[in-house]
Amino acid sequence: MDLVVQSPDELLAAVPHVLGFKPEESIVLVPFRPGLPITRVDLPKTAADREEVWDALRGPYGRHARPGARLAILCFTEDRRSAELASQHLSNRLDTVGITTHIRLWADGERWREFNTGQTGLQTPATAERIAAATVLTGAAQPAVSRASLAASMVGDREPIAQLIRAARAAAAGSTPAVERGWALDRLEQFHTDGNRISDVDGARMLVALETISTRDALWEDMSRENHTSHMALWNDLTRRAPDEVRAAPASMLGFASWLHGDGAKAWCALDQVPADRPYSMAAIVASALQNGIHPREWERYQTQMRDLAGELDESFVPKPPEQQRDLPRTQPTADRPAPGR
C-alpha cells in the first residue's frame, strides 16, 4: 500500500503506519521514490554517535543511490537542537553518496519545524485520524504504540510447551528425520489452509523437528512473498510460546518472514528473541540482509547464495543490531510533490 501525503503533518502521521510502531527519540529516513530503504535509527546525541549512525547507513544508502535520489529526514524528539544537528550531519553525509535531503523535519508530538525553510506547523489529531482511517481501509494492522511494545508482543506463556519438550524429543528419537520432516510440512500446510493456532503438543513437536536443519530448511524453502504473512503468524505464535532451548529457530523464521514482508522493525525484534547463549546461523543471515539494506524483492536472486551461506557460517557469530537500531519498514509513503508543505 502506498500512502499519498501532501504536507509535513500528513508525512509525520504516516510514519508510524509505515514503521509498524510510533517512533520515539528517532530519526526516520523516507525516500521520495522507490529504490532507497526507509530506515529508522535512534536519535544520536553526540558527534561520535552521529558518525556511528552514518557508518551504519553508508553502505546500504551508497549501494542503492541513483541519480536524482532524494529523501526526507524526520526527527521525532523533544530535543530540537539534537534533531537539527543530527539531521544536518546526516544530510551532509548523504550528499557525498549522491542523495539529496529535500526535507529535514523535527516533530515533538505537537509541533513540527522544517529546518531547511524554517516553516512551522502543528501535528493535528484530524490528520492522524485521517491517515489511520486510510490504512484501516487497506486491511493493514494499526501500529504499536512503541518499539518496546512491538518487542513485548513476541513474549507469551512459554511454560506449557516447555513442559512438553522432553516428551517431544523422546518421540522424535523413536521416529526418523524424514517422518518428522514430512509431518512438519503437512502441519505447515494445514496452518496455511485454516490459520488455526496449533496446539501445545503440535507446537512442541514442531519446535523439536526444527532442530534438524534439513527440516528447518524444508519449511524455510516453503516461504515466499505470496505466503509470508501466514508464516509470520505461525512463527510469531511459536516464538511467543517457545522456551529458550528451542526458540532460536522460530525466532529466525519470524525474522526472515518479517523481512520478506518489508517489516524491518519486527524482523529485528524477532532476532532479539534468539537467546544470547544460543547463536544461530539463520539469524546471522537475516541480520546481514537487514544491515545491508537488501530489498525483499531481491530474495530470489540471493536465495541460492544465502542458503549456501547458512551451511558455512560459524554459528558462534550472530550479527546483533547496532546500538543505533535500524528498522526497515513495510511500505513507503508517496509524496505527490517534491516538498510537502511548501
C-alpha atoms as a PDB file:
ATOM      1  CA  MET A   1       0.000   0.000   0.000  1.00  0.00           C
ATOM      2  CA  ASP A   2       1.214   3.490  -0.914  1.00  0.00           C
ATOM      3  CA  LEU A   3       0.197   6.426   1.243  1.00  0.00           C
ATOM      4  CA  VAL A   4      -0.049   9.710  -0.659  1.00  0.00           C
ATOM      5  CA  VAL A   5       0.990  12.607   1.561  1.00  0.00           C
ATOM      6  CA  GLN A   6       0.762  16.294   0.749  1.00  0.00           C
ATOM      7  CA  SER A   7       2.053  18.103   3.850  1.00  0.00           C
ATOM      8  CA  PRO A   8       4.572  17.680   6.677  1.00  0.00           C
ATOM      9  CA  ASP A   9       1.684  16.923   9.050  1.00  0.00           C
ATOM     10  CA  GLU A  10       0.491  14.054   6.829  1.00  0.00           C
ATOM     11  CA  LEU A  11       4.023  12.733   6.358  1.00  0.00           C
ATOM     12  CA  LEU A  12       4.611  12.662  10.114  1.00  0.00           C
ATOM     13  CA  ALA A  13       1.250  10.963  10.690  1.00  0.00           C
ATOM     14  CA  ALA A  14       2.037   8.303   8.084  1.00  0.00           C
ATOM     15  CA  VAL A  15       5.385   7.226   9.525  1.00  0.00           C
ATOM     16  CA  PRO A  16       4.042   5.053  12.405  1.00  0.00           C
ATOM     17  CA  HIS A  17       1.924   3.128   9.896  1.00  0.00           C
ATOM     18  CA  VAL A  18       4.956   2.613   7.684  1.00  0.00           C
ATOM     19  CA  LEU A  19       7.240   1.501  10.515  1.00  0.00           C
ATOM     20  CA  GLY A  20       4.644  -0.521  12.407  1.00  0.00           C
ATOM     21  CA  PHE A  21       5.135   1.460  15.620  1.00  0.00           C
ATOM     22  CA  LYS A  22       5.250   5.041  16.847  1.00  0.00           C
ATOM     23  CA  PRO A  23       8.892   6.208  16.792  1.00  0.00           C
ATOM     24  CA  GLU A  24      10.339   7.989  19.808  1.00  0.00           C
ATOM     25  CA  GLU A  25      13.769   9.643  20.060  1.00  0.00           C
ATOM     26  CA  SER A  26      14.321   8.563  16.481  1.00  0.00           C
ATOM     27  CA  ILE A  27      15.408   9.676  13.040  1.00  0.00           C
ATOM     28  CA  VAL A  28      13.477   8.223  10.101  1.00  0.00           C
ATOM     29  CA  LEU A  29      14.718   8.451   6.516  1.00  0.00           C
ATOM     30  CA  VAL A  30      11.884   8.445   3.958  1.00  0.00           C
ATOM     31  CA  PRO A  31      12.777   8.360   0.232  1.00  0.00           C
ATOM     32  CA  PHE A  32      10.623  10.168  -2.324  1.00  0.00           C
ATOM     33  CA  ARG A  33      10.980   7.348  -4.851  1.00  0.00           C
ATOM     34  CA  PRO A  34      11.334   3.552  -4.626  1.00  0.00           C
ATOM     35  CA  GLY A  35      14.865   2.188  -4.528  1.00  0.00           C
ATOM     36  CA  LEU A  36      16.219   3.511  -1.261  1.00  0.00           C
ATOM     37  CA  PRO A  37      15.302   1.827   2.026  1.00  0.00           C
ATOM     38  CA  ILE A  38      13.186   3.564   4.622  1.00  0.00           C
ATOM     39  CA  THR A  39      15.171   3.467   7.839  1.00  0.00           C
ATOM     40  CA  ARG A  40      14.745   4.329  11.498  1.00  0.00           C
ATOM     41  CA  VAL A  41      17.719   4.960  13.800  1.00  0.00           C
ATOM     42  CA  ASP A  42      17.930   6.029  17.406  1.00  0.00           C
ATOM     43  CA  LEU A  43      18.474   9.790  17.607  1.00  0.00           C
ATOM     44  CA  PRO A  44      22.216  10.398  18.116  1.00  0.00           C
ATOM     45  CA  LYS A  45      23.074  12.966  20.776  1.00  0.00           C
ATOM     46  CA  THR A  46      26.855  13.302  20.370  1.00  0.00           C
ATOM     47  CA  ALA A  47      29.263  13.803  17.495  1.00  0.00           C
ATOM     48  CA  ALA A  48      30.576  10.265  17.959  1.00  0.00           C
ATOM     49  CA  ASP A  49      27.033   8.876  17.848  1.00  0.00           C
ATOM     50  CA  ARG A  50      26.304  10.813  14.675  1.00  0.00           C
ATOM     51  CA  GLU A  51      29.350   9.287  12.986  1.00  0.00           C
ATOM     52  CA  GLU A  52      28.302   5.830  14.196  1.00  0.00           C
ATOM     53  CA  VAL A  53      24.905   6.282  12.583  1.00  0.00           C
ATOM     54  CA  TRP A  54      26.493   7.259   9.283  1.00  0.00           C
ATOM     55  CA  ASP A  55      28.896   4.313   9.449  1.00  0.00           C
ATOM     56  CA  ALA A  56      25.861   2.020   9.741  1.00  0.00           C
ATOM     57  CA  LEU A  57      23.935   3.677   6.895  1.00  0.00           C
ATOM     58  CA  ARG A  58      26.702   4.495   4.435  1.00  0.00           C
ATOM     59  CA  GLY A  59      26.831   1.014   2.883  1.00  0.00           C
ATOM     60  CA  PRO A  60      23.127   0.468   2.168  1.00  0.00           C
ATOM     61  CA  TYR A  61      22.445   4.034   1.036  1.00  0.00           C
ATOM     62  CA  GLY A  62      25.599   4.294  -1.050  1.00  0.00           C
ATOM     63  CA  ARG A  63      24.793   0.995  -2.743  1.00  0.00           C
ATOM     64  CA  HIS A  64      21.185   1.906  -3.592  1.00  0.00           C
ATOM     65  CA  ALA A  65      21.695   5.576  -4.526  1.00  0.00           C
ATOM     66  CA  ARG A  66      20.706   6.507  -8.071  1.00  0.00           C
ATOM     67  CA  PRO A  67      20.921   9.838  -9.936  1.00  0.00           C
ATOM     68  CA  GLY A  68      18.303  12.235  -8.611  1.00  0.00           C
ATOM     69  CA  ALA A  69      17.770  10.282  -5.379  1.00  0.00           C
ATOM     70  CA  ARG A  70      16.035  12.404  -2.740  1.00  0.00           C
ATOM     71  CA  LEU A  71      14.682  11.773   0.721  1.00  0.00           C
ATOM     72  CA  ALA A  72      13.278  13.377   3.843  1.00  0.00           C
ATOM     73  CA  ILE A  73      14.888  13.175   7.272  1.00  0.00           C
ATOM     74  CA  LEU A  74      12.296  13.161  10.053  1.00  0.00           C
ATOM     75  CA  CYS A  75      13.317  13.630  13.696  1.00  0.00           C
ATOM     76  CA  PHE A  76      10.911  12.555  16.446  1.00  0.00           C
ATOM     77  CA  THR A  77      12.038  14.072  19.745  1.00  0.00           C
ATOM     78  CA  GLU A  78      11.509  16.988  22.111  1.00  0.00           C
ATOM     79  CA  ASP A  79      15.230  17.790  21.765  1.00  0.00           C
ATOM     80  CA  ARG A  80      15.106  20.155  18.794  1.00  0.00           C
ATOM     81  CA  ARG A  81      18.799  21.056  18.960  1.00  0.00           C
ATOM     82  CA  SER A  82      19.940  17.430  18.742  1.00  0.00           C
ATOM     83  CA  ALA A  83      17.491  16.884  15.905  1.00  0.00           C
ATOM     84  CA  GLU A  84      18.865  19.836  13.957  1.00  0.00           C
ATOM     85  CA  LEU A  85      22.490  18.786  14.423  1.00  0.00           C
ATOM     86  CA  ALA A  86      21.839  15.126  13.638  1.00  0.00           C
ATOM     87  CA  SER A  87      19.714  15.802  10.562  1.00  0.00           C
ATOM     88  CA  GLN A  88      22.244  18.302   9.172  1.00  0.00           C
ATOM     89  CA  HIS A  89      25.126  15.902   9.754  1.00  0.00           C
ATOM     90  CA  LEU A  90      23.258  13.063   8.068  1.00  0.00           C
ATOM     91  CA  SER A  91      22.188  15.323   5.192  1.00  0.00           C
ATOM     92  CA  ASN A  92      25.809  16.316   4.578  1.00  0.00           C
ATOM     93  CA  ARG A  93      26.955  12.685   4.590  1.00  0.00           C
ATOM     94  CA  LEU A  94      24.151  11.549   2.279  1.00  0.00           C
ATOM     95  CA  ASP A  95      25.139  14.267  -0.174  1.00  0.00           C
ATOM     96  CA  THR A  96      28.567  12.606  -0.526  1.00  0.00           C
ATOM     97  CA  VAL A  97      26.898   9.476  -1.991  1.00  0.00           C
ATOM     98  CA  GLY A  98      24.601  11.444  -4.293  1.00  0.00           C
ATOM     99  CA  ILE A  99      21.447  11.621  -2.193  1.00  0.00           C
ATOM    100  CA  THR A 100      19.784  14.999  -1.684  1.00  0.00           C
ATOM    101  CA  THR A 101      17.927  15.720   1.540  1.00  0.00           C
ATOM    102  CA  HIS A 102      14.910  17.683   0.376  1.00  0.00           C
ATOM    103  CA  ILE A 103      13.225  17.955   3.778  1.00  0.00           C
ATOM    104  CA  ARG A 104      14.538  17.979   7.363  1.00  0.00           C
ATOM    105  CA  LEU A 105      11.597  17.799   9.748  1.00  0.00           C
ATOM    106  CA  TRP A 106      11.533  17.956  13.525  1.00  0.00           C
ATOM    107  CA  ALA A 107       8.419  16.960  15.475  1.00  0.00           C
ATOM    108  CA  ASP A 108       7.743  16.705  19.201  1.00  0.00           C
ATOM    109  CA  GLY A 109       4.249  15.210  19.025  1.00  0.00           C
ATOM    110  CA  GLU A 110       2.509  18.570  18.873  1.00  0.00           C
ATOM    111  CA  ARG A 111       4.574  20.835  16.632  1.00  0.00           C
ATOM    112  CA  TRP A 112       6.813  20.435  13.606  1.00  0.00           C
ATOM    113  CA  ARG A 113       9.551  22.542  12.045  1.00  0.00           C
ATOM    114  CA  GLU A 114      11.179  22.179   8.642  1.00  0.00           C
ATOM    115  CA  PHE A 115      14.829  23.079   9.216  1.00  0.00           C
ATOM    116  CA  ASN A 116      15.656  23.846   5.574  1.00  0.00           C
ATOM    117  CA  THR A 117      12.983  26.543   5.242  1.00  0.00           C
ATOM    118  CA  GLY A 118      12.136  27.480   8.819  1.00  0.00           C
ATOM    119  CA  GLN A 119       8.460  26.681   8.147  1.00  0.00           C
ATOM    120  CA  THR A 120       6.496  25.543  11.225  1.00  0.00           C
ATOM    121  CA  GLY A 121       3.113  23.984  11.927  1.00  0.00           C
ATOM    122  CA  LEU A 122       1.073  21.719  14.179  1.00  0.00           C
ATOM    123  CA  GLN A 123       0.585  17.967  14.234  1.00  0.00           C
ATOM    124  CA  THR A 124      -3.188  17.737  14.223  1.00  0.00           C
ATOM    125  CA  PRO A 125      -5.383  14.887  15.532  1.00  0.00           C
ATOM    126  CA  ALA A 126      -7.581  15.252  12.452  1.00  0.00           C
ATOM    127  CA  THR A 127      -4.674  14.419  10.166  1.00  0.00           C
ATOM    128  CA  ALA A 128      -3.595  11.476  12.295  1.00  0.00           C
ATOM    129  CA  GLU A 129      -7.150  10.109  12.265  1.00  0.00           C
ATOM    130  CA  ARG A 130      -7.450  10.543   8.505  1.00  0.00           C
ATOM    131  CA  ILE A 131      -4.202   8.669   7.834  1.00  0.00           C
ATOM    132  CA  ALA A 132      -5.190   5.920  10.297  1.00  0.00           C
ATOM    133  CA  ALA A 133      -8.549   5.526   8.567  1.00  0.00           C
ATOM    134  CA  ALA A 134      -6.849   5.241   5.189  1.00  0.00           C
ATOM    135  CA  THR A 135      -4.669   2.386   6.428  1.00  0.00           C
ATOM    136  CA  VAL A 136      -7.631   0.591   8.044  1.00  0.00           C
ATOM    137  CA  LEU A 137      -9.393   0.509   4.679  1.00  0.00           C
ATOM    138  CA  THR A 138      -6.436  -1.381   3.206  1.00  0.00           C
ATOM    139  CA  GLY A 139      -6.604  -4.028   5.939  1.00  0.00           C
ATOM    140  CA  ALA A 140      -3.238  -3.032   7.407  1.00  0.00           C
ATOM    141  CA  ALA A 141      -2.684  -3.546  11.130  1.00  0.00           C
ATOM    142  CA  GLN A 142      -2.531  -0.404  13.217  1.00  0.00           C
ATOM    143  CA  PRO A 143       0.939   0.476  14.562  1.00  0.00           C
ATOM    144  CA  ALA A 144       2.161  -0.492  18.008  1.00  0.00           C
ATOM    145  CA  VAL A 145       2.418   2.357  20.497  1.00  0.00           C
ATOM    146  CA  SER A 146       6.207   1.923  20.675  1.00  0.00           C
ATOM    147  CA  ARG A 147       9.041  -0.301  19.552  1.00  0.00           C
ATOM    148  CA  ALA A 148       9.177  -1.764  23.068  1.00  0.00           C
ATOM    149  CA  SER A 149       5.538  -2.814  22.857  1.00  0.00           C
ATOM    150  CA  LEU A 150       6.216  -4.429  19.480  1.00  0.00           C
ATOM    151  CA  ALA A 151       9.029  -6.456  21.087  1.00  0.00           C
ATOM    152  CA  ALA A 152       6.829  -7.339  24.061  1.00  0.00           C
ATOM    153  CA  SER A 153       4.213  -8.794  21.707  1.00  0.00           C
ATOM    154  CA  MET A 154       6.670 -11.619  20.964  1.00  0.00           C
ATOM    155  CA  VAL A 155       6.780 -12.817  24.574  1.00  0.00           C
ATOM    156  CA  GLY A 156       3.981 -15.081  25.779  1.00  0.00           C
ATOM    157  CA  ASP A 157       3.362 -18.005  28.141  1.00  0.00           C
ATOM    158  CA  ARG A 158       6.223 -20.411  27.464  1.00  0.00           C
ATOM    159  CA  GLU A 159       5.613 -22.876  30.289  1.00  0.00           C
ATOM    160  CA  PRO A 160       3.018 -25.148  28.591  1.00  0.00           C
ATOM    161  CA  ILE A 161       5.311 -26.071  25.705  1.00  0.00           C
ATOM    162  CA  ALA A 162       8.373 -26.169  27.988  1.00  0.00           C
ATOM    163  CA  GLN A 163       6.693 -28.990  29.898  1.00  0.00           C
ATOM    164  CA  LEU A 164       6.200 -30.971  26.675  1.00  0.00           C
ATOM    165  CA  ILE A 165       9.662 -30.633  25.098  1.00  0.00           C
ATOM    166  CA  ARG A 166      11.152 -33.692  26.809  1.00  0.00           C
ATOM    167  CA  ALA A 167       8.305 -35.928  25.639  1.00  0.00           C
ATOM    168  CA  ALA A 168       8.521 -34.436  22.131  1.00  0.00           C
ATOM    169  CA  ARG A 169      12.239 -35.207  21.980  1.00  0.00           C
ATOM    170  CA  ALA A 170      11.642 -38.778  23.159  1.00  0.00           C
ATOM    171  CA  ALA A 171       9.012 -39.248  20.464  1.00  0.00           C
ATOM    172  CA  ALA A 172      11.322 -37.788  17.803  1.00  0.00           C
ATOM    173  CA  ALA A 173      14.089 -40.174  18.878  1.00  0.00           C
ATOM    174  CA  GLY A 174      11.720 -43.084  18.170  1.00  0.00           C
ATOM    175  CA  SER A 175      10.870 -41.665  14.747  1.00  0.00           C
ATOM    176  CA  THR A 176      13.088 -40.670  11.809  1.00  0.00           C
ATOM    177  CA  PRO A 177      14.077 -37.237  10.470  1.00  0.00           C
ATOM    178  CA  ALA A 178      12.219 -37.974   7.226  1.00  0.00           C
ATOM    179  CA  VAL A 179       8.996 -38.800   9.061  1.00  0.00           C
ATOM    180  CA  GLU A 180       9.260 -35.701  11.264  1.00  0.00           C
ATOM    181  CA  ARG A 181      10.037 -33.500   8.256  1.00  0.00           C
ATOM    182  CA  GLY A 182       7.000 -34.860   6.411  1.00  0.00           C
ATOM    183  CA  TRP A 183       4.796 -34.258   9.445  1.00  0.00           C
ATOM    184  CA  ALA A 184       6.115 -30.697   9.865  1.00  0.00           C
ATOM    185  CA  LEU A 185       5.433 -29.861   6.208  1.00  0.00           C
ATOM    186  CA  ASP A 186       1.931 -31.322   6.436  1.00  0.00           C
ATOM    187  CA  ARG A 187       1.256 -29.352   9.629  1.00  0.00           C
ATOM    188  CA  LEU A 188       2.539 -26.190   7.965  1.00  0.00           C
ATOM    189  CA  GLU A 189       0.232 -26.762   5.001  1.00  0.00           C
ATOM    190  CA  GLN A 190      -2.698 -27.256   7.355  1.00  0.00           C
ATOM    191  CA  PHE A 191      -1.871 -23.945   9.042  1.00  0.00           C
ATOM    192  CA  HIS A 192      -1.699 -22.205   5.654  1.00  0.00           C
ATOM    193  CA  THR A 193      -5.195 -23.573   4.962  1.00  0.00           C
ATOM    194  CA  ASP A 194      -7.038 -22.926   8.226  1.00  0.00           C
ATOM    195  CA  GLY A 195      -4.858 -20.432  10.148  1.00  0.00           C
ATOM    196  CA  ASN A 196      -5.837 -22.026  13.454  1.00  0.00           C
ATOM    197  CA  ARG A 197      -3.419 -21.739  16.381  1.00  0.00           C
ATOM    198  CA  ILE A 198      -1.570 -25.026  16.736  1.00  0.00           C
ATOM    199  CA  SER A 199      -1.876 -26.977  19.976  1.00  0.00           C
ATOM    200  CA  ASP A 200       0.832 -27.138  22.635  1.00  0.00           C
ATOM    201  CA  VAL A 201       1.540 -30.764  21.675  1.00  0.00           C
ATOM    202  CA  ASP A 202       1.919 -29.939  17.985  1.00  0.00           C
ATOM    203  CA  GLY A 203       3.884 -26.825  18.882  1.00  0.00           C
ATOM    204  CA  ALA A 204       6.386 -28.832  20.912  1.00  0.00           C
ATOM    205  CA  ARG A 205       6.729 -31.385  18.111  1.00  0.00           C
ATOM    206  CA  MET A 206       7.240 -28.654  15.521  1.00  0.00           C
ATOM    207  CA  LEU A 207       9.904 -26.900  17.609  1.00  0.00           C
ATOM    208  CA  VAL A 208      11.801 -30.161  18.166  1.00  0.00           C
ATOM    209  CA  ALA A 209      11.531 -31.000  14.450  1.00  0.00           C
ATOM    210  CA  LEU A 210      13.096 -27.615  13.615  1.00  0.00           C
ATOM    211  CA  GLU A 211      16.254 -28.654  15.480  1.00  0.00           C
ATOM    212  CA  THR A 212      17.033 -30.841  12.462  1.00  0.00           C
ATOM    213  CA  ILE A 213      18.484 -28.401   9.930  1.00  0.00           C
ATOM    214  CA  SER A 214      17.114 -30.254   6.906  1.00  0.00           C
ATOM    215  CA  THR A 215      13.610 -29.977   8.363  1.00  0.00           C
ATOM    216  CA  ARG A 216      14.045 -26.298   9.160  1.00  0.00           C
ATOM    217  CA  ASP A 217      15.317 -25.678   5.631  1.00  0.00           C
ATOM    218  CA  ALA A 218      12.343 -27.504   4.114  1.00  0.00           C
ATOM    219  CA  LEU A 219       9.974 -25.178   5.990  1.00  0.00           C
ATOM    220  CA  TRP A 220      12.156 -22.197   5.131  1.00  0.00           C
ATOM    221  CA  GLU A 221      12.044 -23.085   1.435  1.00  0.00           C
ATOM    222  CA  ASP A 222       8.241 -23.054   1.621  1.00  0.00           C
ATOM    223  CA  MET A 223       8.373 -19.358   2.449  1.00  0.00           C
ATOM    224  CA  SER A 224       7.622 -16.915  -0.361  1.00  0.00           C
ATOM    225  CA  ARG A 225       6.335 -13.391  -0.869  1.00  0.00           C
ATOM    226  CA  GLU A 226       2.938 -14.961  -1.555  1.00  0.00           C
ATOM    227  CA  ASN A 227       2.595 -16.882   1.747  1.00  0.00           C
ATOM    228  CA  HIS A 228       4.907 -14.954   4.067  1.00  0.00           C
ATOM    229  CA  THR A 229       2.041 -13.458   6.096  1.00  0.00           C
ATOM    230  CA  SER A 230       0.883 -16.961   7.028  1.00  0.00           C
ATOM    231  CA  HIS A 231       4.459 -17.814   8.017  1.00  0.00           C
ATOM    232  CA  MET A 232       4.640 -14.630  10.111  1.00  0.00           C
ATOM    233  CA  ALA A 233       1.513 -15.645  12.011  1.00  0.00           C
ATOM    234  CA  LEU A 234       2.796 -19.167  12.710  1.00  0.00           C
ATOM    235  CA  TRP A 235       6.316 -18.225  13.747  1.00  0.00           C
ATOM    236  CA  ASN A 236       5.184 -15.223  15.782  1.00  0.00           C
ATOM    237  CA  ASP A 237       2.937 -17.550  17.783  1.00  0.00           C
ATOM    238  CA  LEU A 238       5.629 -20.180  18.260  1.00  0.00           C
ATOM    239  CA  THR A 239       8.258 -17.567  19.161  1.00  0.00           C
ATOM    240  CA  ARG A 240       5.908 -16.300  21.875  1.00  0.00           C
ATOM    241  CA  ARG A 241       5.428 -19.824  23.244  1.00  0.00           C
ATOM    242  CA  ALA A 242       8.887 -21.376  22.734  1.00  0.00           C
ATOM    243  CA  PRO A 243      11.216 -21.849  25.736  1.00  0.00           C
ATOM    244  CA  ASP A 244      14.832 -20.729  25.381  1.00  0.00           C
ATOM    245  CA  GLU A 245      16.187 -24.096  24.295  1.00  0.00           C
ATOM    246  CA  VAL A 246      14.065 -24.199  21.107  1.00  0.00           C
ATOM    247  CA  ARG A 247      13.352 -20.516  20.383  1.00  0.00           C
ATOM    248  CA  ALA A 248      16.247 -19.676  18.033  1.00  0.00           C
ATOM    249  CA  ALA A 249      14.679 -21.411  15.024  1.00  0.00           C
ATOM    250  CA  PRO A 250      11.143 -19.966  15.181  1.00  0.00           C
ATOM    251  CA  ALA A 251      12.510 -16.503  16.019  1.00  0.00           C
ATOM    252  CA  SER A 252      14.812 -16.660  12.982  1.00  0.00           C
ATOM    253  CA  MET A 253      11.955 -17.878  10.793  1.00  0.00           C
ATOM    254  CA  LEU A 254       9.819 -14.988  12.064  1.00  0.00           C
ATOM    255  CA  GLY A 255      12.666 -12.575  11.369  1.00  0.00           C
ATOM    256  CA  PHE A 256      13.016 -13.839   7.823  1.00  0.00           C
ATOM    257  CA  ALA A 257       9.269 -13.752   7.128  1.00  0.00           C
ATOM    258  CA  SER A 258       9.085 -10.217   8.552  1.00  0.00           C
ATOM    259  CA  TRP A 259      11.962  -9.153   6.308  1.00  0.00           C
ATOM    260  CA  LEU A 260      10.126 -10.604   3.282  1.00  0.00           C
ATOM    261  CA  HIS A 261       7.112  -8.559   4.396  1.00  0.00           C
ATOM    262  CA  GLY A 262       9.332  -5.458   4.454  1.00  0.00           C
ATOM    263  CA  ASP A 263       8.871  -5.082   8.216  1.00  0.00           C
ATOM    264  CA  GLY A 264      12.409  -4.495   9.420  1.00  0.00           C
ATOM    265  CA  ALA A 265      11.365  -3.411  12.911  1.00  0.00           C
ATOM    266  CA  LYS A 266       9.571  -6.683  13.523  1.00  0.00           C
ATOM    267  CA  ALA A 267      12.463  -8.612  11.966  1.00  0.00           C
ATOM    268  CA  TRP A 268      14.954  -7.030  14.389  1.00  0.00           C
ATOM    269  CA  CYS A 269      12.624  -7.647  17.323  1.00  0.00           C
ATOM    270  CA  ALA A 270      12.359 -11.284  16.268  1.00  0.00           C
ATOM    271  CA  LEU A 271      16.147 -11.623  16.134  1.00  0.00           C
ATOM    272  CA  ASP A 272      16.303 -10.152  19.628  1.00  0.00           C
ATOM    273  CA  GLN A 273      14.327 -13.227  20.723  1.00  0.00           C
ATOM    274  CA  VAL A 274      17.186 -15.539  19.710  1.00  0.00           C
ATOM    275  CA  PRO A 275      18.719 -16.421  23.097  1.00  0.00           C
ATOM    276  CA  ALA A 276      22.112 -14.754  23.507  1.00  0.00           C
ATOM    277  CA  ASP A 277      23.707 -18.029  24.593  1.00  0.00           C
ATOM    278  CA  ARG A 278      22.317 -19.921  21.569  1.00  0.00           C
ATOM    279  CA  PRO A 279      23.712 -18.162  18.461  1.00  0.00           C
ATOM    280  CA  TYR A 280      22.146 -19.353  15.242  1.00  0.00           C
ATOM    281  CA  SER A 281      23.397 -19.147  11.654  1.00  0.00           C
ATOM    282  CA  MET A 282      19.996 -18.363  10.129  1.00  0.00           C
ATOM    283  CA  ALA A 283      19.734 -15.358  12.436  1.00  0.00           C
ATOM    284  CA  ALA A 284      23.078 -14.185  11.043  1.00  0.00           C
ATOM    285  CA  ILE A 285      21.710 -14.341   7.503  1.00  0.00           C
ATOM    286  CA  VAL A 286      18.597 -12.346   8.375  1.00  0.00           C
ATOM    287  CA  ALA A 287      20.669  -9.777  10.262  1.00  0.00           C
ATOM    288  CA  SER A 288      23.006  -9.439   7.282  1.00  0.00           C
ATOM    289  CA  ALA A 289      20.071  -8.842   4.924  1.00  0.00           C
ATOM    290  CA  LEU A 290      18.778  -6.123   7.248  1.00  0.00           C
ATOM    291  CA  GLN A 291      22.140  -4.485   7.881  1.00  0.00           C
ATOM    292  CA  ASN A 292      22.953  -4.372   4.169  1.00  0.00           C
ATOM    293  CA  GLY A 293      19.586  -2.952   3.153  1.00  0.00           C
ATOM    294  CA  ILE A 294      18.776  -5.850   0.812  1.00  0.00           C
ATOM    295  CA  HIS A 295      15.264  -5.394  -0.553  1.00  0.00           C
ATOM    296  CA  PRO A 296      12.907  -8.383  -0.182  1.00  0.00           C
ATOM    297  CA  ARG A 297      12.281  -8.415  -3.940  1.00  0.00           C
ATOM    298  CA  GLU A 298      15.949  -9.393  -4.363  1.00  0.00           C
ATOM    299  CA  TRP A 299      15.359 -12.633  -2.430  1.00  0.00           C
ATOM    300  CA  GLU A 300      15.094 -14.863  -5.498  1.00  0.00           C
ATOM    301  CA  ARG A 301      18.431 -13.570  -6.783  1.00  0.00           C
ATOM    302  CA  TYR A 302      20.118 -14.089  -3.401  1.00  0.00           C
ATOM    303  CA  GLN A 303      18.254 -17.279  -2.487  1.00  0.00           C
ATOM    304  CA  THR A 304      20.827 -19.893  -3.503  1.00  0.00           C
ATOM    305  CA  GLN A 305      23.760 -17.832  -2.273  1.00  0.00           C
ATOM    306  CA  MET A 306      22.210 -17.153   1.120  1.00  0.00           C
ATOM    307  CA  ARG A 307      21.052 -20.710   1.670  1.00  0.00           C
ATOM    308  CA  ASP A 308      24.553 -21.971   0.841  1.00  0.00           C
ATOM    309  CA  LEU A 309      25.938 -19.424   3.268  1.00  0.00           C
ATOM    310  CA  ALA A 310      23.718 -20.825   6.019  1.00  0.00           C
ATOM    311  CA  GLY A 311      25.705 -24.043   5.975  1.00  0.00           C
ATOM    312  CA  GLU A 312      29.055 -22.249   6.004  1.00  0.00           C
ATOM    313  CA  LEU A 313      28.533 -19.613   8.684  1.00  0.00           C
ATOM    314  CA  ASP A 314      30.165 -20.053  12.042  1.00  0.00           C
ATOM    315  CA  GLU A 315      27.129 -20.358  14.317  1.00  0.00           C
ATOM    316  CA  SER A 316      29.039 -18.612  17.093  1.00  0.00           C
ATOM    317  CA  PHE A 317      28.650 -15.436  15.077  1.00  0.00           C
ATOM    318  CA  VAL A 318      25.273 -13.688  15.055  1.00  0.00           C
ATOM    319  CA  PRO A 319      25.342 -10.033  13.951  1.00  0.00           C
ATOM    320  CA  LYS A 320      23.442  -8.074  16.568  1.00  0.00           C
ATOM    321  CA  PRO A 321      21.595  -4.838  15.778  1.00  0.00           C
ATOM    322  CA  PRO A 322      23.959  -1.920  16.375  1.00  0.00           C
ATOM    323  CA  GLU A 323      23.464   0.426  19.286  1.00  0.00           C
ATOM    324  CA  GLN A 324      21.822   2.773  16.805  1.00  0.00           C
ATOM    325  CA  GLN A 325      18.957   0.470  15.854  1.00  0.00           C
ATOM    326  CA  ARG A 326      17.914   0.335  12.200  1.00  0.00           C
ATOM    327  CA  ASP A 327      14.439  -0.710  11.150  1.00  0.00           C
ATOM    328  CA  LEU A 328      13.324  -1.204   7.556  1.00  0.00           C
ATOM    329  CA  PRO A 329       9.554  -0.870   7.265  1.00  0.00           C
ATOM    330  CA  ARG A 330       6.658  -2.421   5.406  1.00  0.00           C
ATOM    331  CA  THR A 331       5.743   0.171   2.822  1.00  0.00           C
ATOM    332  CA  GLN A 332       6.621   3.612   1.576  1.00  0.00           C
ATOM    333  CA  PRO A 333       4.502   6.766   1.541  1.00  0.00           C
ATOM    334  CA  THR A 334       4.447   8.613  -1.737  1.00  0.00           C
ATOM    335  CA  ALA A 335       4.717  12.386  -1.894  1.00  0.00           C
ATOM    336  CA  ASP A 336       2.817  13.847  -4.817  1.00  0.00           C
ATOM    337  CA  ARG A 337       5.037  16.895  -4.895  1.00  0.00           C
ATOM    338  CA  PRO A 338       8.753  17.292  -4.134  1.00  0.00           C
ATOM    339  CA  ALA A 339       8.431  19.293  -0.924  1.00  0.00           C
ATOM    340  CA  PRO A 340       5.296  18.697   1.183  1.00  0.00           C
ATOM    341  CA  GLY A 341       4.005  21.905   2.689  1.00  0.00           C
ATOM    342  CA  ARG A 342       5.978  24.307   0.525  1.00  0.00           C
END
